[in-house]
């Protein structure tokens, strides 16, 4: 089934599950001994601690939703949960006062009513804040990073300086700082030595 033929709640769940960062859990969920019913509930997988609740504002009174979100926040405080909570609202956008009230308890993402393919792209953009950053394929990683950096350096830069700094980069930031310091102070050191030698000759 394509996203565009699914109900909005199921579209949201499909996108989050397809990212492999979330899994759906049965609703109602229990926090302590208190049950909370939402259109859908997802929790993060592996090291992702997020708890996501999906709310359909067409089928649920928004004031009741606000009360449930407030109760959820209090229950999580009581049990000492550190899970970040996000409420995704699909359907008519609530008024700003309601959104502000929910935002005091958790992150809130009002995504409207996606109805077509173009809206699916917009929905994925909205949900991207919850998804892991894509990792570039191995083929896109420079095989010779030092060579790539050399290409980006201005041609007017002293070649011996750039070579020394690039070679030092493999030993870490401190090695680069040390090399730069040596190069920057070298003219003064040489001048001091020359003055010393001239003074000895004069004697």
N, C-alpha and C. Protein backbone atom coordinates (compact mmCIF):
# COMPACT_ATOMS: atom_id res chain seq x y z
N UNK A 1 0.85 -1.20 0.00
CA UNK A 1 0.00 0.00 0.00
C UNK A 1 0.88 1.25 0.00
N UNK A 2 0.62 2.19 -0.94
CA UNK A 2 1.42 3.40 -1.01
C UNK A 2 1.00 4.35 0.10
N UNK A 3 1.89 5.30 0.40
CA UNK A 3 1.59 6.26 1.45
C UNK A 3 0.33 7.05 1.15
N UNK A 4 0.16 7.43 -0.14
CA UNK A 4 -0.95 8.31 -0.49
C UNK A 4 -2.32 7.66 -0.31
N UNK A 5 -2.38 6.31 -0.20
CA UNK A 5 -3.66 5.62 -0.01
C UNK A 5 -3.91 5.28 1.46
N UNK A 6 -2.98 5.61 2.33
CA UNK A 6 -3.14 5.31 3.74
C UNK A 6 -3.78 6.49 4.47
N UNK A 7 -4.42 6.17 5.60
CA UNK A 7 -4.94 7.23 6.47
C UNK A 7 -3.75 8.00 7.04
N UNK A 8 -3.94 9.30 7.38
CA UNK A 8 -2.81 10.11 7.85
C UNK A 8 -2.03 9.50 9.01
N UNK A 9 -2.72 8.93 9.99
CA UNK A 9 -2.01 8.34 11.13
C UNK A 9 -1.10 7.21 10.66
N UNK A 10 -1.63 6.35 9.75
CA UNK A 10 -0.83 5.23 9.27
C UNK A 10 0.34 5.69 8.40
N UNK A 11 0.15 6.80 7.70
CA UNK A 11 1.26 7.37 6.91
C UNK A 11 2.40 7.76 7.83
N UNK A 12 2.04 8.44 8.91
CA UNK A 12 3.06 8.89 9.86
C UNK A 12 3.80 7.68 10.45
N UNK A 13 3.04 6.67 10.85
CA UNK A 13 3.65 5.47 11.42
C UNK A 13 4.56 4.80 10.40
N UNK A 14 4.11 4.71 9.15
CA UNK A 14 4.91 4.07 8.10
C UNK A 14 6.24 4.76 7.89
N UNK A 15 6.22 6.10 7.87
CA UNK A 15 7.47 6.85 7.66
C UNK A 15 8.42 6.63 8.82
N UNK A 16 7.91 6.69 10.04
CA UNK A 16 8.78 6.53 11.21
C UNK A 16 9.33 5.11 11.31
N UNK A 17 8.49 4.12 11.02
CA UNK A 17 8.97 2.73 11.08
C UNK A 17 9.96 2.43 9.95
N UNK A 18 9.72 3.02 8.78
CA UNK A 18 10.61 2.78 7.64
C UNK A 18 12.02 3.33 7.90
N UNK A 19 12.13 4.32 8.79
CA UNK A 19 13.45 4.89 9.11
C UNK A 19 14.28 3.92 9.94
N UNK A 20 13.63 2.88 10.47
CA UNK A 20 14.28 1.90 11.35
C UNK A 20 14.73 2.51 12.67
N UNK A 21 14.19 3.70 12.99
CA UNK A 21 14.54 4.36 14.25
C UNK A 21 13.43 4.20 15.28
N UNK A 22 12.24 3.75 14.84
CA UNK A 22 11.09 3.63 15.74
C UNK A 22 10.37 2.31 15.50
N UNK A 23 9.68 1.85 16.54
CA UNK A 23 8.76 0.72 16.40
C UNK A 23 7.46 1.08 17.09
N UNK A 24 6.39 0.60 16.51
CA UNK A 24 5.06 0.89 17.06
C UNK A 24 4.79 -0.03 18.25
N UNK A 25 4.14 0.51 19.26
CA UNK A 25 3.74 -0.29 20.41
C UNK A 25 2.23 -0.15 20.59
N UNK A 26 1.59 -1.14 21.21
CA UNK A 26 0.14 -1.08 21.36
C UNK A 26 -0.29 0.11 22.21
N UNK A 27 -1.44 0.66 21.84
CA UNK A 27 -2.06 1.74 22.63
C UNK A 27 -3.37 1.18 23.19
N UNK A 28 -3.71 1.43 24.46
CA UNK A 28 -3.08 2.41 25.35
C UNK A 28 -1.74 1.92 25.92
N UNK A 29 -0.90 2.92 26.23
CA UNK A 29 0.34 2.61 26.94
C UNK A 29 0.12 2.92 28.41
N UNK A 30 0.87 2.22 29.24
CA UNK A 30 0.77 2.47 30.68
C UNK A 30 2.05 3.13 31.16
N UNK A 31 1.88 4.26 31.83
CA UNK A 31 2.99 4.93 32.50
C UNK A 31 2.71 4.81 33.99
N UNK A 32 3.52 4.02 34.68
CA UNK A 32 3.17 3.64 36.04
C UNK A 32 1.96 2.72 35.93
N UNK A 33 0.88 3.07 36.57
CA UNK A 33 -0.36 2.29 36.47
C UNK A 33 -1.44 3.04 35.69
N UNK A 34 -1.05 4.14 35.03
CA UNK A 34 -2.05 4.97 34.36
C UNK A 34 -2.03 4.70 32.85
N UNK A 35 -3.16 4.29 32.26
CA UNK A 35 -3.20 4.05 30.81
C UNK A 35 -3.45 5.35 30.04
N UNK A 36 -2.79 5.46 28.86
CA UNK A 36 -3.00 6.63 28.00
C UNK A 36 -3.27 6.12 26.59
N UNK A 37 -4.41 6.54 26.04
CA UNK A 37 -4.84 6.09 24.71
C UNK A 37 -4.55 7.16 23.68
N UNK A 38 -3.83 6.76 22.60
CA UNK A 38 -3.56 7.67 21.48
C UNK A 38 -3.81 6.91 20.17
N UNK A 39 -3.92 7.65 19.07
CA UNK A 39 -4.15 7.01 17.77
C UNK A 39 -3.01 6.06 17.42
N UNK A 40 -1.79 6.42 17.80
CA UNK A 40 -0.63 5.54 17.60
C UNK A 40 0.45 5.97 18.57
N UNK A 41 1.25 4.99 18.98
CA UNK A 41 2.37 5.25 19.89
C UNK A 41 3.60 4.53 19.34
N UNK A 42 4.73 5.23 19.30
CA UNK A 42 5.98 4.62 18.85
C UNK A 42 7.08 4.96 19.85
N UNK A 43 8.02 4.05 20.00
CA UNK A 43 9.19 4.32 20.83
C UNK A 43 10.44 4.10 19.99
N UNK A 44 11.50 4.80 20.36
CA UNK A 44 12.75 4.69 19.63
C UNK A 44 13.40 3.32 19.79
N UNK A 45 14.10 2.91 18.76
CA UNK A 45 14.82 1.64 18.79
C UNK A 45 16.28 1.88 19.15
N UNK A 46 16.93 0.82 19.63
CA UNK A 46 18.35 0.87 19.99
C UNK A 46 18.59 1.99 21.00
N UNK A 47 19.45 2.96 20.64
CA UNK A 47 19.80 4.02 21.59
C UNK A 47 18.91 5.25 21.47
N UNK A 48 17.90 5.17 20.62
CA UNK A 48 16.98 6.30 20.45
C UNK A 48 15.95 6.26 21.59
N UNK A 49 15.94 7.24 22.50
CA UNK A 49 15.05 7.18 23.66
C UNK A 49 13.67 7.80 23.43
N UNK A 50 13.40 8.31 22.23
CA UNK A 50 12.18 9.10 22.02
C UNK A 50 10.90 8.28 22.17
N UNK A 51 9.88 8.93 22.71
CA UNK A 51 8.51 8.41 22.74
C UNK A 51 7.66 9.34 21.88
N UNK A 52 6.97 8.78 20.90
CA UNK A 52 6.15 9.57 19.97
C UNK A 52 4.70 9.14 20.10
N UNK A 53 3.82 10.11 20.30
CA UNK A 53 2.38 9.83 20.29
C UNK A 53 1.77 10.58 19.10
N UNK A 54 0.91 9.86 18.37
CA UNK A 54 0.26 10.45 17.20
C UNK A 54 -1.21 10.69 17.56
N UNK A 55 -1.68 11.90 17.28
CA UNK A 55 -3.03 12.30 17.66
C UNK A 55 -3.77 12.78 16.42
N UNK A 56 -4.96 12.23 16.20
CA UNK A 56 -5.81 12.63 15.08
C UNK A 56 -6.83 13.65 15.59
N UNK A 57 -6.62 14.91 15.25
CA UNK A 57 -7.49 15.96 15.80
C UNK A 57 -8.86 15.99 15.14
N UNK A 58 -9.06 15.18 14.09
CA UNK A 58 -10.40 15.07 13.50
C UNK A 58 -11.29 14.22 14.41
N UNK A 59 -10.70 13.15 14.94
CA UNK A 59 -11.49 12.19 15.71
C UNK A 59 -11.43 12.40 17.22
N UNK A 60 -10.60 13.33 17.66
CA UNK A 60 -10.48 13.52 19.10
C UNK A 60 -10.58 14.99 19.46
N UNK A 61 -11.30 15.27 20.51
CA UNK A 61 -11.43 16.64 21.00
C UNK A 61 -10.06 17.16 21.45
N UNK A 62 -9.67 18.31 20.94
CA UNK A 62 -8.32 18.81 21.19
C UNK A 62 -8.12 19.18 22.66
N UNK A 63 -9.17 19.62 23.34
CA UNK A 63 -9.03 19.94 24.76
C UNK A 63 -8.78 18.68 25.58
N UNK A 64 -9.46 17.58 25.17
CA UNK A 64 -9.20 16.30 25.81
C UNK A 64 -7.77 15.86 25.55
N UNK A 65 -7.29 16.11 24.34
CA UNK A 65 -5.90 15.78 23.99
C UNK A 65 -4.93 16.55 24.87
N UNK A 66 -5.21 17.83 25.06
CA UNK A 66 -4.34 18.66 25.88
C UNK A 66 -4.27 18.12 27.31
N UNK A 67 -5.42 17.68 27.82
CA UNK A 67 -5.44 17.10 29.17
C UNK A 67 -4.63 15.80 29.23
N UNK A 68 -4.77 14.97 28.18
CA UNK A 68 -4.04 13.70 28.17
C UNK A 68 -2.53 13.92 28.11
N UNK A 69 -2.11 14.89 27.28
CA UNK A 69 -0.68 15.18 27.17
C UNK A 69 -0.15 15.69 28.51
N UNK A 70 -0.91 16.55 29.15
CA UNK A 70 -0.51 17.04 30.47
C UNK A 70 -0.39 15.90 31.47
N UNK A 71 -1.38 14.99 31.46
CA UNK A 71 -1.34 13.85 32.35
C UNK A 71 -0.17 12.93 32.05
N UNK A 72 0.13 12.74 30.75
CA UNK A 72 1.27 11.91 30.35
C UNK A 72 2.57 12.49 30.89
N UNK A 73 2.73 13.81 30.77
CA UNK A 73 3.94 14.46 31.27
C UNK A 73 4.10 14.29 32.76
N UNK A 74 3.00 14.45 33.50
CA UNK A 74 3.06 14.30 34.95
C UNK A 74 3.39 12.86 35.35
N UNK A 75 2.77 11.90 34.63
CA UNK A 75 3.02 10.49 34.94
C UNK A 75 4.48 10.12 34.68
N UNK A 76 5.05 10.66 33.61
CA UNK A 76 6.45 10.36 33.30
C UNK A 76 7.38 10.99 34.34
N UNK A 77 7.00 12.16 34.83
CA UNK A 77 7.79 12.77 35.91
C UNK A 77 7.76 11.92 37.17
N UNK A 78 6.58 11.37 37.47
CA UNK A 78 6.43 10.56 38.69
C UNK A 78 7.30 9.31 38.63
N UNK A 79 7.35 8.66 37.46
CA UNK A 79 8.15 7.42 37.34
C UNK A 79 9.62 7.72 37.05
N UNK A 80 9.97 9.02 36.90
CA UNK A 80 11.36 9.39 36.65
C UNK A 80 11.84 9.08 35.25
N UNK A 81 10.93 9.04 34.28
CA UNK A 81 11.32 8.75 32.90
C UNK A 81 12.04 9.93 32.28
N UNK A 82 13.11 9.62 31.54
CA UNK A 82 13.87 10.68 30.85
C UNK A 82 13.62 10.65 29.34
N UNK A 83 12.62 9.91 28.92
CA UNK A 83 12.33 9.83 27.48
C UNK A 83 11.80 11.18 26.97
N UNK A 84 12.40 11.75 25.93
CA UNK A 84 11.80 12.93 25.30
C UNK A 84 10.49 12.51 24.61
N UNK A 85 9.47 13.33 24.75
CA UNK A 85 8.16 13.02 24.18
C UNK A 85 7.85 13.99 23.04
N UNK A 86 7.35 13.44 21.94
CA UNK A 86 6.89 14.26 20.82
C UNK A 86 5.44 13.91 20.52
N UNK A 87 4.59 14.92 20.41
CA UNK A 87 3.20 14.72 20.01
C UNK A 87 3.04 15.19 18.57
N UNK A 88 2.70 14.27 17.68
CA UNK A 88 2.44 14.61 16.29
C UNK A 88 0.94 14.75 16.11
N UNK A 89 0.51 15.93 15.68
CA UNK A 89 -0.92 16.20 15.51
C UNK A 89 -1.27 16.20 14.04
N UNK A 90 -2.11 15.27 13.61
CA UNK A 90 -2.59 15.27 12.24
C UNK A 90 -4.07 15.63 12.24
N UNK A 91 -4.46 16.44 11.26
CA UNK A 91 -5.83 16.94 11.23
C UNK A 91 -5.83 18.46 11.35
N UNK A 92 -6.98 19.05 11.58
CA UNK A 92 -7.05 20.52 11.70
C UNK A 92 -6.09 21.03 12.77
N UNK A 93 -5.40 22.12 12.44
CA UNK A 93 -4.43 22.68 13.37
C UNK A 93 -5.13 23.34 14.56
N UNK A 94 -4.74 22.96 15.79
CA UNK A 94 -5.34 23.60 16.97
C UNK A 94 -4.96 25.08 17.04
N UNK A 95 -5.66 25.82 17.88
CA UNK A 95 -5.33 27.23 18.06
C UNK A 95 -3.98 27.36 18.79
N UNK A 96 -3.40 28.54 18.70
CA UNK A 96 -2.05 28.75 19.22
C UNK A 96 -1.97 28.54 20.73
N UNK A 97 -3.01 28.90 21.46
CA UNK A 97 -3.00 28.70 22.91
C UNK A 97 -2.89 27.22 23.27
N UNK A 98 -3.62 26.38 22.52
CA UNK A 98 -3.57 24.94 22.75
C UNK A 98 -2.20 24.39 22.41
N UNK A 99 -1.64 24.84 21.29
CA UNK A 99 -0.31 24.38 20.89
C UNK A 99 0.74 24.78 21.93
N UNK A 100 0.63 25.99 22.43
CA UNK A 100 1.58 26.45 23.45
C UNK A 100 1.45 25.63 24.73
N UNK A 101 0.22 25.28 25.07
CA UNK A 101 -0.02 24.47 26.27
C UNK A 101 0.62 23.09 26.13
N UNK A 102 0.46 22.46 24.96
CA UNK A 102 1.05 21.14 24.72
C UNK A 102 2.57 21.25 24.67
N UNK A 103 3.07 22.34 24.07
CA UNK A 103 4.51 22.52 23.91
C UNK A 103 5.22 22.70 25.25
N UNK A 104 4.49 23.06 26.29
CA UNK A 104 5.11 23.17 27.62
C UNK A 104 5.45 21.79 28.18
N UNK A 105 4.77 20.77 27.67
CA UNK A 105 4.96 19.41 28.18
C UNK A 105 5.90 18.60 27.28
N UNK A 106 5.79 18.81 25.96
CA UNK A 106 6.58 18.01 25.03
C UNK A 106 6.76 18.78 23.72
N UNK A 107 7.57 18.22 22.84
CA UNK A 107 7.69 18.79 21.50
C UNK A 107 6.41 18.48 20.74
N UNK A 108 5.92 19.44 19.98
CA UNK A 108 4.67 19.22 19.24
C UNK A 108 4.90 19.50 17.76
N UNK A 109 4.41 18.58 16.91
CA UNK A 109 4.55 18.71 15.46
C UNK A 109 3.15 18.65 14.82
N UNK A 110 2.53 19.80 14.52
CA UNK A 110 1.26 19.77 13.80
C UNK A 110 1.52 19.61 12.30
N UNK A 111 1.05 18.51 11.71
CA UNK A 111 1.40 18.22 10.31
C UNK A 111 0.23 18.37 9.35
N UNK A 112 -0.93 18.83 9.86
CA UNK A 112 -2.06 19.05 8.97
C UNK A 112 -2.69 17.76 8.49
N UNK A 113 -3.27 17.81 7.27
CA UNK A 113 -3.95 16.65 6.70
C UNK A 113 -3.31 16.32 5.35
N UNK A 114 -2.31 15.45 5.30
CA UNK A 114 -1.70 15.10 4.02
C UNK A 114 -2.69 14.35 3.13
N UNK A 115 -2.86 14.80 1.87
CA UNK A 115 -3.86 14.19 1.00
C UNK A 115 -3.30 13.67 -0.32
N UNK A 116 -2.05 13.96 -0.63
CA UNK A 116 -1.51 13.51 -1.91
C UNK A 116 -0.02 13.28 -1.85
N UNK A 117 0.55 12.94 -3.01
CA UNK A 117 1.99 12.63 -3.08
C UNK A 117 2.83 13.81 -2.65
N UNK A 118 2.45 15.02 -3.08
CA UNK A 118 3.22 16.20 -2.72
C UNK A 118 3.18 16.41 -1.20
N UNK A 119 2.00 16.16 -0.61
CA UNK A 119 1.88 16.30 0.84
C UNK A 119 2.70 15.26 1.57
N UNK A 120 2.87 14.09 0.95
CA UNK A 120 3.71 13.05 1.57
C UNK A 120 5.15 13.52 1.70
N UNK A 121 5.63 14.21 0.68
CA UNK A 121 7.00 14.75 0.73
C UNK A 121 7.11 15.79 1.84
N UNK A 122 6.08 16.62 1.96
CA UNK A 122 6.06 17.63 3.02
C UNK A 122 6.00 16.96 4.39
N UNK A 123 5.21 15.89 4.49
CA UNK A 123 5.10 15.15 5.74
C UNK A 123 6.45 14.55 6.14
N UNK A 124 7.16 13.99 5.18
CA UNK A 124 8.48 13.43 5.47
C UNK A 124 9.44 14.52 5.94
N UNK A 125 9.32 15.72 5.36
CA UNK A 125 10.16 16.84 5.80
C UNK A 125 9.85 17.20 7.25
N UNK A 126 8.56 17.24 7.59
CA UNK A 126 8.16 17.56 8.96
C UNK A 126 8.72 16.55 9.94
N UNK A 127 8.64 15.27 9.57
CA UNK A 127 9.05 14.19 10.47
C UNK A 127 10.55 13.99 10.51
N UNK A 128 11.27 14.63 9.59
CA UNK A 128 12.72 14.43 9.50
C UNK A 128 13.44 14.85 10.78
N UNK A 129 12.84 15.74 11.57
CA UNK A 129 13.47 16.17 12.82
C UNK A 129 13.57 15.01 13.82
N UNK A 130 12.77 13.97 13.60
CA UNK A 130 12.79 12.82 14.50
C UNK A 130 13.68 11.69 13.97
N UNK A 131 14.12 11.82 12.73
CA UNK A 131 14.81 10.71 12.08
C UNK A 131 16.32 10.87 12.14
N UNK A 132 17.06 9.77 12.11
CA UNK A 132 18.52 9.86 12.12
C UNK A 132 19.04 10.50 10.84
N UNK A 133 20.16 11.19 10.95
CA UNK A 133 20.76 11.80 9.76
C UNK A 133 21.27 10.70 8.83
N UNK A 134 21.04 10.86 7.52
CA UNK A 134 21.54 9.84 6.59
C UNK A 134 23.07 9.84 6.55
N UNK A 135 23.65 8.64 6.45
CA UNK A 135 25.11 8.51 6.38
C UNK A 135 25.51 8.38 4.92
N UNK A 136 26.49 9.16 4.52
CA UNK A 136 26.94 9.12 3.13
C UNK A 136 27.49 7.75 2.80
N UNK A 137 27.19 7.22 1.60
CA UNK A 137 27.74 5.93 1.21
C UNK A 137 29.26 5.96 1.17
N UNK A 138 29.86 4.80 1.34
CA UNK A 138 31.32 4.71 1.39
C UNK A 138 31.97 5.29 0.15
N UNK A 139 31.29 5.10 -1.00
CA UNK A 139 31.86 5.57 -2.26
C UNK A 139 31.96 7.09 -2.31
N UNK A 140 31.14 7.77 -1.46
CA UNK A 140 31.17 9.23 -1.45
C UNK A 140 32.24 9.81 -0.55
N UNK A 141 32.96 8.97 0.19
CA UNK A 141 33.99 9.45 1.10
C UNK A 141 35.31 9.56 0.35
N UNK A 142 35.99 10.66 0.51
CA UNK A 142 37.25 10.87 -0.21
C UNK A 142 38.27 9.81 0.18
N UNK A 143 38.87 9.17 -0.85
CA UNK A 143 39.89 8.15 -0.60
C UNK A 143 41.18 8.79 -0.11
N UNK A 144 41.40 10.04 -0.53
CA UNK A 144 42.63 10.75 -0.13
C UNK A 144 42.23 12.10 0.44
N UNK A 145 41.82 12.16 1.72
CA UNK A 145 41.35 13.42 2.29
C UNK A 145 42.40 14.51 2.27
N UNK A 146 43.67 14.15 2.52
CA UNK A 146 44.75 15.15 2.50
C UNK A 146 44.87 15.76 1.11
N UNK A 147 44.79 14.90 0.10
CA UNK A 147 44.86 15.38 -1.29
C UNK A 147 43.71 16.31 -1.62
N UNK A 148 42.51 15.97 -1.08
CA UNK A 148 41.35 16.82 -1.33
C UNK A 148 41.52 18.19 -0.68
N UNK A 149 42.09 18.21 0.53
CA UNK A 149 42.32 19.48 1.22
C UNK A 149 43.33 20.32 0.44
N UNK A 150 44.38 19.67 -0.06
CA UNK A 150 45.41 20.39 -0.84
C UNK A 150 44.79 21.12 -2.02
N UNK A 151 43.83 20.48 -2.67
CA UNK A 151 43.19 21.08 -3.84
C UNK A 151 42.43 22.35 -3.47
N UNK A 152 41.95 22.40 -2.22
CA UNK A 152 41.14 23.54 -1.78
C UNK A 152 41.98 24.72 -1.27
N UNK A 153 43.28 24.47 -1.01
CA UNK A 153 44.13 25.53 -0.49
C UNK A 153 44.46 26.54 -1.58
N UNK A 154 44.55 27.82 -1.25
CA UNK A 154 44.91 28.82 -2.26
C UNK A 154 46.32 28.60 -2.80
N UNK A 155 46.49 28.86 -4.08
CA UNK A 155 47.79 28.64 -4.73
C UNK A 155 48.86 29.60 -4.21
N UNK A 156 48.43 30.70 -3.60
CA UNK A 156 49.39 31.69 -3.10
C UNK A 156 49.99 31.28 -1.75
N UNK A 157 49.44 30.24 -1.14
CA UNK A 157 49.94 29.81 0.17
C UNK A 157 51.31 29.16 0.04
N UNK A 158 52.20 29.49 0.97
CA UNK A 158 53.55 28.92 0.96
C UNK A 158 53.47 27.39 0.97
N UNK A 159 54.05 26.75 -0.03
CA UNK A 159 53.91 25.30 -0.18
C UNK A 159 54.57 24.54 0.97
N UNK A 160 55.71 25.04 1.47
CA UNK A 160 56.39 24.34 2.56
C UNK A 160 55.56 24.40 3.85
N UNK A 161 54.87 25.55 4.05
CA UNK A 161 54.02 25.69 5.22
C UNK A 161 52.82 24.75 5.14
N UNK A 162 52.15 24.75 3.98
CA UNK A 162 50.97 23.89 3.84
C UNK A 162 51.35 22.42 3.96
N UNK A 163 52.50 22.03 3.40
CA UNK A 163 52.93 20.64 3.47
C UNK A 163 53.21 20.23 4.91
N UNK A 164 53.88 21.11 5.65
CA UNK A 164 54.23 20.80 7.04
C UNK A 164 52.97 20.66 7.90
N UNK A 165 52.00 21.56 7.68
CA UNK A 165 50.78 21.53 8.47
C UNK A 165 49.93 20.30 8.13
N UNK A 166 49.84 19.96 6.85
CA UNK A 166 49.07 18.79 6.45
C UNK A 166 49.67 17.50 6.98
N UNK A 167 50.98 17.42 6.97
CA UNK A 167 51.64 16.23 7.51
C UNK A 167 51.40 16.12 9.02
N UNK A 168 51.39 17.27 9.70
CA UNK A 168 51.17 17.28 11.14
C UNK A 168 49.72 16.92 11.49
N UNK A 169 48.79 17.13 10.56
CA UNK A 169 47.37 16.89 10.85
C UNK A 169 47.09 15.44 11.22
N UNK A 170 47.89 14.51 10.71
CA UNK A 170 47.67 13.10 11.04
C UNK A 170 47.99 12.80 12.51
N UNK A 171 48.73 13.73 13.16
CA UNK A 171 49.11 13.53 14.57
C UNK A 171 48.17 14.29 15.52
N UNK A 172 47.19 15.01 14.97
CA UNK A 172 46.20 15.67 15.80
C UNK A 172 46.33 17.18 15.81
N UNK A 173 45.35 17.82 16.47
CA UNK A 173 45.26 19.29 16.49
C UNK A 173 46.46 19.93 17.15
N UNK A 174 46.96 19.33 18.24
CA UNK A 174 48.10 19.92 18.95
C UNK A 174 49.36 19.94 18.08
N UNK A 175 49.52 18.88 17.28
CA UNK A 175 50.68 18.82 16.39
C UNK A 175 50.60 19.92 15.33
N UNK A 176 49.38 20.18 14.84
CA UNK A 176 49.19 21.25 13.85
C UNK A 176 49.50 22.61 14.49
N UNK A 177 48.99 22.83 15.71
CA UNK A 177 49.26 24.09 16.41
C UNK A 177 50.76 24.28 16.64
N UNK A 178 51.44 23.20 17.02
CA UNK A 178 52.88 23.27 17.27
C UNK A 178 53.63 23.64 15.99
N UNK A 179 53.21 23.01 14.88
CA UNK A 179 53.88 23.26 13.60
C UNK A 179 53.66 24.70 13.15
N UNK A 180 52.45 25.19 13.32
CA UNK A 180 52.16 26.58 12.95
C UNK A 180 52.97 27.55 13.80
N UNK A 181 53.06 27.24 15.09
CA UNK A 181 53.83 28.10 15.99
C UNK A 181 55.29 28.17 15.57
N UNK A 182 55.86 27.00 15.23
CA UNK A 182 57.26 26.97 14.79
C UNK A 182 57.45 27.81 13.54
N UNK A 183 56.51 27.66 12.58
CA UNK A 183 56.63 28.38 11.32
C UNK A 183 56.45 29.89 11.50
N UNK A 184 55.54 30.26 12.39
CA UNK A 184 55.28 31.69 12.59
C UNK A 184 56.39 32.39 13.37
N UNK A 185 57.02 31.66 14.28
CA UNK A 185 58.08 32.27 15.10
C UNK A 185 59.47 32.13 14.48
N UNK A 186 59.58 31.29 13.44
CA UNK A 186 60.88 31.03 12.83
C UNK A 186 61.59 32.32 12.37
N UNK A 187 60.92 33.26 11.69
CA UNK A 187 61.62 34.47 11.25
C UNK A 187 62.21 35.27 12.42
N UNK A 188 61.47 35.33 13.54
CA UNK A 188 61.96 36.07 14.69
C UNK A 188 63.14 35.34 15.35
N UNK A 189 63.04 34.03 15.40
CA UNK A 189 64.14 33.24 15.97
C UNK A 189 65.41 33.39 15.15
N UNK A 190 65.26 33.33 13.82
CA UNK A 190 66.41 33.49 12.93
C UNK A 190 67.03 34.88 13.07
N UNK A 191 66.14 35.89 13.19
CA UNK A 191 66.64 37.25 13.32
C UNK A 191 67.40 37.42 14.63
N UNK A 192 66.90 36.83 15.70
CA UNK A 192 67.56 36.92 17.00
C UNK A 192 68.93 36.23 16.95
N UNK A 193 68.99 35.08 16.28
CA UNK A 193 70.26 34.36 16.15
C UNK A 193 71.27 35.20 15.38
N UNK A 194 70.78 35.82 14.30
CA UNK A 194 71.68 36.63 13.47
C UNK A 194 72.23 37.82 14.24
N UNK A 195 71.34 38.45 15.04
CA UNK A 195 71.80 39.57 15.86
C UNK A 195 72.86 39.12 16.85
N UNK A 196 72.66 37.93 17.41
CA UNK A 196 73.63 37.39 18.36
C UNK A 196 74.96 37.12 17.71
N UNK A 197 74.91 36.55 16.50
CA UNK A 197 76.15 36.25 15.79
C UNK A 197 76.88 37.52 15.40
N UNK A 198 76.11 38.55 14.97
CA UNK A 198 76.73 39.83 14.59
C UNK A 198 77.38 40.47 15.81
N UNK A 199 76.74 40.34 16.95
CA UNK A 199 77.32 40.92 18.17
C UNK A 199 78.60 40.23 18.54
N UNK A 200 78.68 38.93 18.36
CA UNK A 200 79.92 38.19 18.69
C UNK A 200 81.04 38.59 17.75
N UNK A 201 80.71 38.79 16.45
CA UNK A 201 81.73 39.18 15.48
C UNK A 201 82.30 40.56 15.81
N UNK A 202 81.40 41.47 16.24
CA UNK A 202 81.83 42.83 16.56
C UNK A 202 82.83 42.78 17.71
N UNK A 203 82.62 41.90 18.66
CA UNK A 203 83.53 41.82 19.80
C UNK A 203 84.89 41.33 19.33
